[in-house]
Protein backbone atom coordinates (compact mmCIF):
# COMPACT_ATOMS: atom_id res chain seq x y z
CA MET A 1 -0.01 0.03 0.02
CA PRO A 2 1.21 3.56 -0.69
CA LEU A 3 1.08 4.74 2.92
CA THR A 4 3.61 3.13 5.29
CA ASP A 5 3.13 2.77 9.08
CA GLU A 6 4.91 6.15 9.53
CA THR A 7 2.69 7.98 7.06
CA LEU A 8 -0.42 6.21 8.26
CA ALA A 9 0.23 7.88 11.62
CA ARG A 10 0.44 11.26 9.84
CA ALA A 11 -2.81 10.40 8.05
CA GLU A 12 -4.49 9.89 11.35
CA GLU A 13 -3.33 13.26 12.41
CA LEU A 14 -5.09 14.78 9.42
CA ILE A 15 -8.25 12.74 9.96
CA ALA A 16 -8.40 13.90 13.60
CA ARG A 17 -8.80 17.48 12.46
CA TYR A 18 -12.24 16.77 11.05
CA PRO A 19 -15.57 15.98 12.69
CA GLU A 20 -16.05 13.00 10.38
CA ARG A 21 -13.35 10.78 8.94
CA ARG A 22 -14.70 11.11 5.39
CA SER A 23 -14.20 14.85 5.57
CA ALA A 24 -10.39 14.28 5.32
CA LEU A 25 -10.58 12.85 1.83
CA LEU A 26 -8.82 15.75 -0.02
CA PRO A 27 -5.79 15.95 2.29
CA ILE A 28 -5.52 12.15 2.28
CA LEU A 29 -5.46 12.18 -1.53
CA PHE A 30 -2.68 14.76 -1.40
CA LEU A 31 -0.72 12.63 1.06
CA LEU A 32 -1.14 9.59 -1.20
CA GLN A 33 0.08 11.62 -4.15
CA ALA A 34 3.11 12.82 -2.19
CA GLU A 35 4.05 9.21 -1.42
CA ASP A 36 3.31 7.55 -4.76
CA GLY A 37 3.57 10.44 -7.18
CA TYR A 38 -0.06 9.94 -8.19
CA VAL A 39 -3.35 8.53 -6.85
CA SER A 40 -2.91 4.88 -7.71
CA PRO A 41 -5.60 2.18 -7.59
CA ALA A 42 -3.99 0.89 -4.42
CA GLY A 43 -4.12 4.39 -2.97
CA VAL A 44 -7.82 4.68 -3.82
CA SER A 45 -8.46 1.39 -2.04
CA GLN A 46 -6.39 2.47 1.00
CA ALA A 47 -8.13 5.84 1.26
CA ALA A 48 -11.52 4.13 1.16
CA GLY A 49 -10.55 1.79 3.93
CA LEU A 50 -9.17 4.66 6.11
CA LEU A 51 -12.17 6.89 5.71
CA GLY A 52 -15.07 4.48 5.57
CA LEU A 53 -15.91 5.29 1.92
CA THR A 54 -16.36 3.09 -1.09
CA LYS A 55 -13.64 2.96 -3.77
CA ALA A 56 -16.17 4.46 -6.18
CA GLU A 57 -16.64 7.46 -3.89
CA VAL A 58 -12.89 8.04 -3.52
CA GLY A 59 -12.39 7.53 -7.33
CA ALA A 60 -15.10 10.00 -8.14
CA VAL A 61 -13.32 12.72 -6.13
CA ALA A 62 -9.88 11.83 -7.44
CA THR A 63 -11.08 12.05 -11.03
CA PHE A 64 -13.11 15.23 -10.54
CA TYR A 65 -10.26 17.50 -9.37
CA THR A 66 -7.47 18.14 -11.87
CA MET A 67 -4.80 18.48 -9.14
CA PHE A 68 -4.98 14.74 -8.51
CA ARG A 69 -3.11 12.58 -10.99
CA ARG A 70 -4.00 9.15 -12.21
CA ARG A 71 -0.54 8.48 -13.64
CA PRO A 72 2.94 9.44 -12.22
CA VAL A 73 4.21 12.91 -12.96
CA GLY A 74 7.75 14.19 -13.12
CA ARG A 75 9.66 15.80 -10.34
CA TYR A 76 8.71 19.17 -11.88
CA VAL A 77 5.24 19.85 -13.24
CA VAL A 78 5.36 22.67 -15.78
CA SER A 79 1.91 24.28 -16.36
CA VAL A 80 1.45 26.70 -19.23
CA CYS A 81 -1.58 29.00 -19.05
CA ARG A 82 -3.74 28.72 -22.19
CA THR A 83 -6.44 31.34 -21.55
CA LEU A 84 -6.87 34.51 -23.59
CA SER A 85 -4.31 36.94 -22.21
CA CYS A 86 -1.55 34.35 -22.30
CA GLN A 87 -2.53 33.03 -25.74
CA LEU A 88 -2.39 36.56 -27.12
CA ARG A 89 1.14 36.76 -25.73
CA GLY A 90 2.37 33.49 -27.20
CA SER A 91 1.62 30.78 -24.64
CA ARG A 92 0.48 28.29 -27.30
CA GLU A 93 3.85 28.62 -29.08
CA ILE A 94 5.59 28.07 -25.72
CA ALA A 95 3.56 25.02 -24.89
CA ASP A 96 4.18 23.48 -28.31
CA ALA A 97 7.93 24.22 -28.04
CA LEU A 98 8.17 22.60 -24.62
CA ALA A 99 6.29 19.49 -25.71
CA GLU A 100 8.57 19.20 -28.73
CA ARG A 101 11.70 19.56 -26.64
CA LEU A 102 10.52 17.00 -24.08
CA GLY A 103 9.35 14.52 -26.72
CA THR A 104 5.89 14.14 -25.24
CA PRO A 105 2.39 15.40 -25.99
CA LEU A 106 1.02 18.05 -23.71
CA GLY A 107 -0.07 16.38 -20.48
CA GLY A 108 2.81 13.97 -20.73
CA THR A 109 6.22 13.44 -19.04
CA ASP A 110 9.62 13.29 -20.72
CA GLU A 111 11.49 10.01 -21.02
CA SER A 112 13.71 10.72 -18.02
CA GLY A 113 10.68 11.26 -15.78
CA MET A 114 11.97 14.68 -14.65
CA VAL A 115 9.46 17.08 -16.28
CA THR A 116 5.75 16.90 -16.97
CA VAL A 117 4.30 19.67 -19.24
CA GLU A 118 0.66 20.56 -19.46
CA GLU A 119 -1.68 23.35 -20.41
CA VAL A 120 -4.00 24.74 -17.78
CA GLU A 121 -6.73 27.32 -17.48
CA CYS A 122 -6.22 30.82 -16.07
CA LEU A 123 -3.43 31.19 -13.52
CA ALA A 124 -4.75 34.54 -12.32
CA ALA A 125 -1.71 36.54 -13.40
CA CYS A 126 -2.92 38.13 -16.61
CA ASP A 127 -0.68 41.15 -16.21
CA GLY A 128 2.34 38.75 -16.35
CA ALA A 129 1.28 36.98 -19.53
CA PRO A 130 2.46 34.58 -20.76
CA VAL A 131 2.62 32.70 -17.52
CA MET A 132 4.09 29.32 -16.68
CA GLN A 133 4.18 27.59 -13.32
CA VAL A 134 6.66 25.09 -12.00
CA ASN A 135 5.19 23.17 -9.05
CA THR A 136 2.67 25.98 -8.69
CA GLU A 137 5.15 28.96 -8.58
CA ASN A 138 4.84 31.56 -11.34
CA TYR A 139 7.34 32.38 -14.05
CA GLU A 140 5.94 35.38 -15.94
CA ARG A 141 6.48 37.37 -19.19
CA LEU A 142 8.46 34.59 -20.72
CA THR A 143 9.56 34.31 -24.34
CA THR A 144 9.64 30.92 -25.97
CA GLY A 145 13.45 30.92 -25.64
CA GLN A 146 13.26 31.73 -21.93
CA ALA A 147 10.72 28.99 -21.34
CA LEU A 148 12.93 26.46 -23.11
CA GLY A 149 15.88 27.62 -21.01
CA LEU A 150 13.85 27.11 -17.88
CA VAL A 151 12.99 23.56 -18.86
CA GLU A 152 16.61 22.82 -19.74
CA ALA A 153 17.56 23.90 -16.19
CA LEU A 154 14.86 21.65 -14.72
CA LEU A 155 16.19 18.66 -16.75
CA ARG A 156 19.53 19.33 -15.06
CA ASP A 157 17.72 19.37 -11.70
CA GLU A 158 18.30 23.11 -11.33
CA VAL A 159 15.42 25.40 -10.30
CA PRO A 160 15.69 29.04 -11.36
CA PRO A 161 14.04 31.50 -8.91
CA PRO A 162 10.37 32.28 -9.66
CA THR A 163 9.18 35.71 -10.63
CA PHE A 164 8.33 36.70 -7.09
CA SER A 165 11.39 35.31 -5.36
CA ALA A 166 12.21 38.74 -3.98
CA GLU A 167 8.91 38.60 -2.12
CA GLY A 168 9.67 35.25 -0.63
CA SER A 169 8.28 32.84 -3.27
CA VAL A 170 10.21 29.59 -3.41
CA THR A 171 9.62 26.81 -5.99
CA GLU A 172 9.13 23.45 -4.27
CA PRO A 173 12.06 21.09 -5.05
CA SER A 174 9.72 18.29 -6.13
CA ALA A 175 6.00 17.70 -6.86
CA ALA A 176 6.07 15.19 -3.93
CA ALA A 177 7.13 17.91 -1.52
CA LEU A 178 4.38 20.20 -2.87
CA HIS A 179 1.71 17.61 -2.32
CA TRP A 180 2.94 16.96 1.21
CA ARG A 181 2.38 20.65 1.99
CA LEU A 182 -0.99 20.66 0.31
CA ALA A 183 -2.03 17.77 2.52
CA GLY A 184 -1.55 20.17 5.44
CA LEU A 185 1.42 18.49 7.04
CA GLY A 186 3.92 21.41 6.87
CA GLU A 187 7.56 20.97 6.05
CA PRO A 188 8.02 17.89 3.85
CA PRO A 189 10.53 15.21 4.97
CA GLU A 190 13.94 15.22 3.29
CA ARG A 191 13.19 11.97 1.46
CA LEU A 192 10.45 13.77 -0.52
CA ARG A 193 12.35 17.02 -1.02
CA GLY A 194 15.28 15.28 -2.58
CA ARG A 195 13.61 12.33 -4.27
CA ARG A 196 14.59 11.86 -7.90
CA PRO A 197 11.89 10.21 -10.02
CA GLU A 198 12.31 6.78 -11.46
CA LYS A 199 12.45 6.64 -15.24
CA ALA A 200 8.89 6.57 -16.48
CA GLY A 201 7.97 3.72 -18.85
CA PRO A 202 5.44 4.23 -21.64
CA ASP A 203 2.64 2.81 -19.43
CA GLN A 204 3.46 5.12 -16.50
CA ARG A 205 3.80 8.53 -18.13
CA GLU A 206 1.08 11.01 -17.47
CA GLN A 207 -1.16 11.15 -20.48
CA PRO A 208 -3.23 14.01 -21.77
CA GLY A 209 -6.21 14.43 -19.46
CA GLY A 210 -4.44 12.46 -16.72
CA GLU A 211 -6.45 9.31 -17.43
CA ALA A 212 -5.20 5.71 -17.38
CA GLN A 213 -4.60 4.15 -20.76
């Protein structure tokens, strides 16, 4: 099962914050995603058992929200805004260039398993168009060349500072660390902060739409 005895104890901490066990479903899904890299069938089953839900109920929530993945993602998730302000400023060209460089369709992960690239709806930073995010931190007013340079750095496991680094913004060192924080457990353990992804096989790469093949 995705959650070990250690992380099951942390899961119980999360569950104790709610009046009913089932109310902790979203943070438990984030915790599962931090541990496994995605919400696996085994994770769905484990969450159902923990919370007194059916697997269908857990699966319905996991497939409704786009922040939950049904296939593993890379260490770095690069999200390119595709709504109007960003499209007018060249985001479509950026997304296509990144997909071509990584050798994967949008929504997929490169062969090394380091970088997932996707298009997303509005990132609420229209004045900074075109906008990209890396593990939810903004990189704004990018040219196609700058976006490609950013991805090249990520492939070398280097994280350039985000646009608002001067105001304290820090890009999470891995998607796993980000999901640990989103679960509500605070500072992620070092094993998640520094975890390098395993090489993704064709049957494990995130596919467009995040659905299983």
